[in-house]
Amino acid sequence: YQRRVRVVDEKQYPKTGKDVANLIAAQMYDAVWLYAKSLKRAVDQNYGIEDGEWLVDSMTGSKWNGMSGEIRIDEAGDRLGNVQIMNIQSGDFKQVGTWWMSKNESLELSVENIAWPGAPEEHPAACGRQYELCETYSDAVAKITLMALVCMAFLFGLLVRLYLYNRTNK
């Protein structure tokens, strides 16, 4: 099993240099442990193998500290764990935040540590995620065009006023 996980690790995450296999193995261990705990409850309460629905239902509400961290199973059967938000920088994973599902679904995020693809090097997050904070060539053209239209409207107003003035003073 360990060899197979390591092969997957090397194929899917070749540039990280990290041992992602240990995380995968820890999550698998926790999944088996959850099943074993529910199976023990089923046996203790005289349920059989044909009572699979009860077995799955008995997993909800489970809480413990497993190999992969804090584990809580909600009413829908989903794991409420803490999710690390990673950013790939120079081929390596760097943690930039955490989503705490077990702490009232709160987010801790270091936006200044995120390397945005294509962003200026000196200020990686300066332009925003979709470059909405940086002025582009089309923004400059739009501003110049607007200024030209305002000036033309002003000059047109002066010409109309001059025309009316000359017409009334003849």
Protein backbone atom coordinates (compact mmCIF):
# COMPACT_ATOMS: atom_id res chain seq x y z
CA TYR A 1 0.00 0.00 0.00
CA GLN A 2 2.74 2.42 0.97
CA ARG A 3 4.58 1.82 -2.32
CA ARG A 4 1.41 2.46 -4.34
CA VAL A 5 0.69 5.68 -2.43
CA ARG A 6 4.27 6.82 -2.98
CA VAL A 7 3.95 6.20 -6.76
CA VAL A 8 0.79 8.32 -6.83
CA ASP A 9 2.61 10.96 -4.76
CA GLU A 10 5.52 11.15 -7.21
CA LYS A 11 3.25 11.27 -10.28
CA GLN A 12 0.75 13.86 -9.03
CA TYR A 13 3.08 16.10 -7.02
CA PRO A 14 6.52 15.76 -8.65
CA LYS A 15 7.76 19.31 -8.04
CA THR A 16 6.77 19.70 -4.42
CA GLY A 17 9.49 17.62 -2.84
CA LYS A 18 6.97 17.06 -0.05
CA ASP A 19 5.75 13.75 1.28
CA VAL A 20 2.09 14.09 0.31
CA ALA A 21 1.82 10.31 0.67
CA ASN A 22 1.86 10.64 4.46
CA LEU A 23 -1.18 12.94 4.35
CA ILE A 24 -3.06 10.57 2.06
CA ALA A 25 -2.18 7.63 4.29
CA ALA A 26 -3.31 9.55 7.40
CA GLN A 27 -6.66 10.35 5.79
CA MET A 28 -7.13 6.71 4.79
CA TYR A 29 -6.27 5.62 8.32
CA ASP A 30 -8.87 8.02 9.73
CA ALA A 31 -11.52 6.77 7.26
CA VAL A 32 -10.90 3.16 8.29
CA TRP A 33 -10.96 4.19 11.96
CA LEU A 34 -14.34 5.91 11.45
CA TYR A 35 -15.74 2.77 9.85
CA ALA A 36 -14.31 0.57 12.62
CA LYS A 37 -15.83 2.76 15.36
CA SER A 38 -19.24 2.64 13.66
CA LEU A 39 -18.96 -1.12 13.13
CA LYS A 40 -18.17 -1.60 16.83
CA ARG A 41 -21.25 0.47 17.78
CA ALA A 42 -23.34 -1.68 15.40
CA VAL A 43 -22.07 -4.92 16.94
CA ASP A 44 -22.56 -3.58 20.49
CA GLN A 45 -26.19 -2.76 19.68
CA ASN A 46 -26.85 -6.13 17.96
CA TYR A 47 -27.05 -4.83 14.41
CA GLY A 48 -25.87 -7.04 11.59
CA ILE A 49 -24.07 -6.57 8.31
CA GLU A 50 -27.41 -6.12 6.55
CA ASP A 51 -28.00 -2.92 8.56
CA GLY A 52 -25.67 -0.76 6.45
CA GLU A 53 -27.92 2.27 6.58
CA TRP A 54 -27.80 2.27 10.38
CA LEU A 55 -24.02 1.88 10.18
CA VAL A 56 -23.68 4.96 7.97
CA ASP A 57 -26.13 6.94 10.10
CA SER A 58 -24.15 6.07 13.23
CA MET A 59 -21.10 7.85 11.77
CA THR A 60 -22.80 11.25 12.04
CA GLY A 61 -21.83 13.26 15.08
CA SER A 62 -18.49 11.46 15.47
CA LYS A 63 -15.66 13.61 16.85
CA TRP A 64 -12.03 12.78 17.57
CA ASN A 65 -8.46 13.80 16.84
CA GLY A 66 -7.22 11.54 14.07
CA MET A 67 -3.95 11.12 12.23
CA SER A 68 -4.90 13.87 9.75
CA GLY A 69 -6.11 16.33 12.38
CA GLU A 70 -9.37 17.17 14.12
CA ILE A 71 -12.31 15.20 12.72
CA ARG A 72 -16.01 15.98 13.06
CA ILE A 73 -18.75 14.33 11.01
CA ASP A 74 -21.85 16.49 10.53
CA GLU A 75 -25.49 15.45 10.10
CA ALA A 76 -25.03 15.04 6.33
CA GLY A 77 -22.10 12.65 6.86
CA ASP A 78 -19.49 15.19 5.71
CA ARG A 79 -16.20 15.66 7.49
CA LEU A 80 -15.85 19.05 9.10
CA GLY A 81 -12.13 19.38 9.28
CA ASN A 82 -9.75 22.25 8.90
CA VAL A 83 -8.67 22.89 5.34
CA GLN A 84 -5.27 24.34 4.59
CA ILE A 85 -5.29 26.80 1.69
CA MET A 86 -2.13 26.27 -0.31
CA ASN A 87 -0.49 28.40 -3.00
CA ILE A 88 2.07 26.97 -5.43
CA GLN A 89 5.15 29.19 -5.44
CA SER A 90 8.27 28.21 -7.38
CA GLY A 91 6.99 24.63 -7.68
CA ASP A 92 6.44 24.27 -3.94
CA PHE A 93 3.29 24.39 -1.81
CA LYS A 94 3.07 27.29 0.66
CA GLN A 95 0.25 27.55 3.18
CA VAL A 96 -1.45 30.96 2.87
CA GLY A 97 -4.55 30.33 4.93
CA THR A 98 -6.84 27.96 6.80
CA TRP A 99 -10.59 27.37 6.56
CA TRP A 100 -11.69 26.37 10.06
CA MET A 101 -14.88 24.36 9.59
CA SER A 102 -14.68 23.22 13.19
CA LYS A 103 -14.50 26.82 14.46
CA ASN A 104 -17.76 28.29 13.18
CA GLU A 105 -16.55 28.16 9.58
CA SER A 106 -14.02 30.97 9.89
CA LEU A 107 -11.31 31.88 7.40
CA GLU A 108 -7.75 32.98 8.12
CA LEU A 109 -6.06 34.14 4.93
CA SER A 110 -2.74 35.94 4.34
CA VAL A 111 -3.51 37.69 1.05
CA GLU A 112 -0.11 39.39 1.07
CA ASN A 113 1.58 35.96 0.93
CA ILE A 114 -0.33 34.78 -2.13
CA ALA A 115 1.64 34.76 -5.39
CA TRP A 116 -0.83 35.72 -8.12
CA PRO A 117 0.09 34.47 -11.60
CA GLY A 118 0.99 37.39 -13.86
CA ALA A 119 0.95 39.98 -11.05
CA PRO A 120 3.82 42.48 -10.66
CA GLU A 121 6.67 40.87 -8.74
CA GLU A 122 7.13 43.69 -6.21
CA HIS A 123 3.45 43.63 -5.19
CA PRO A 124 2.07 40.14 -5.92
CA ALA A 125 -1.53 40.93 -4.96
CA ALA A 126 -1.52 44.59 -6.01
CA CYS A 127 -3.69 44.11 -9.09
CA GLY A 128 -6.30 41.91 -7.44
CA ARG A 129 -7.34 38.45 -8.46
CA GLN A 130 -8.79 39.47 -11.84
CA TYR A 131 -6.50 42.53 -12.27
CA GLU A 132 -9.47 44.72 -11.36
CA LEU A 133 -7.31 47.03 -9.23
CA CYS A 134 -4.69 47.85 -11.87
CA GLU A 135 -5.09 50.38 -14.65
CA THR A 136 -4.83 48.82 -18.08
CA TYR A 137 -4.28 50.35 -21.52
CA SER A 138 -8.01 50.24 -22.22
CA ASP A 139 -8.68 52.08 -18.91
CA ALA A 140 -6.30 54.87 -19.97
CA VAL A 141 -7.91 55.12 -23.43
CA ALA A 142 -11.37 55.31 -21.83
CA LYS A 143 -10.27 58.11 -19.48
CA ILE A 144 -8.69 60.13 -22.31
CA THR A 145 -11.79 59.65 -24.48
CA LEU A 146 -14.04 60.80 -21.64
CA MET A 147 -11.90 63.88 -21.05
CA ALA A 148 -11.98 64.70 -24.78
CA LEU A 149 -15.79 64.38 -24.85
CA VAL A 150 -16.14 66.65 -21.82
CA CYS A 151 -13.88 69.26 -23.44
CA MET A 152 -15.83 69.03 -26.72
CA ALA A 153 -19.13 69.47 -24.86
CA PHE A 154 -17.71 72.48 -23.05
CA LEU A 155 -16.48 74.05 -26.33
CA PHE A 156 -19.82 73.29 -28.01
CA GLY A 157 -21.59 75.07 -25.15
CA LEU A 158 -19.31 78.09 -25.55
CA LEU A 159 -19.92 78.18 -29.31
CA VAL A 160 -23.71 78.01 -28.82
CA ARG A 161 -23.53 80.78 -26.23
CA LEU A 162 -21.34 82.91 -28.53
CA TYR A 163 -23.76 82.32 -31.43
CA LEU A 164 -26.76 83.32 -29.30
CA TYR A 165 -24.94 86.36 -27.95
CA ASN A 166 -24.00 87.55 -31.46
CA ARG A 167 -27.52 86.94 -32.73
CA THR A 168 -29.18 88.99 -30.00
CA ASN A 169 -26.67 91.85 -30.18
CA LYS A 170 -26.97 92.60 -33.95
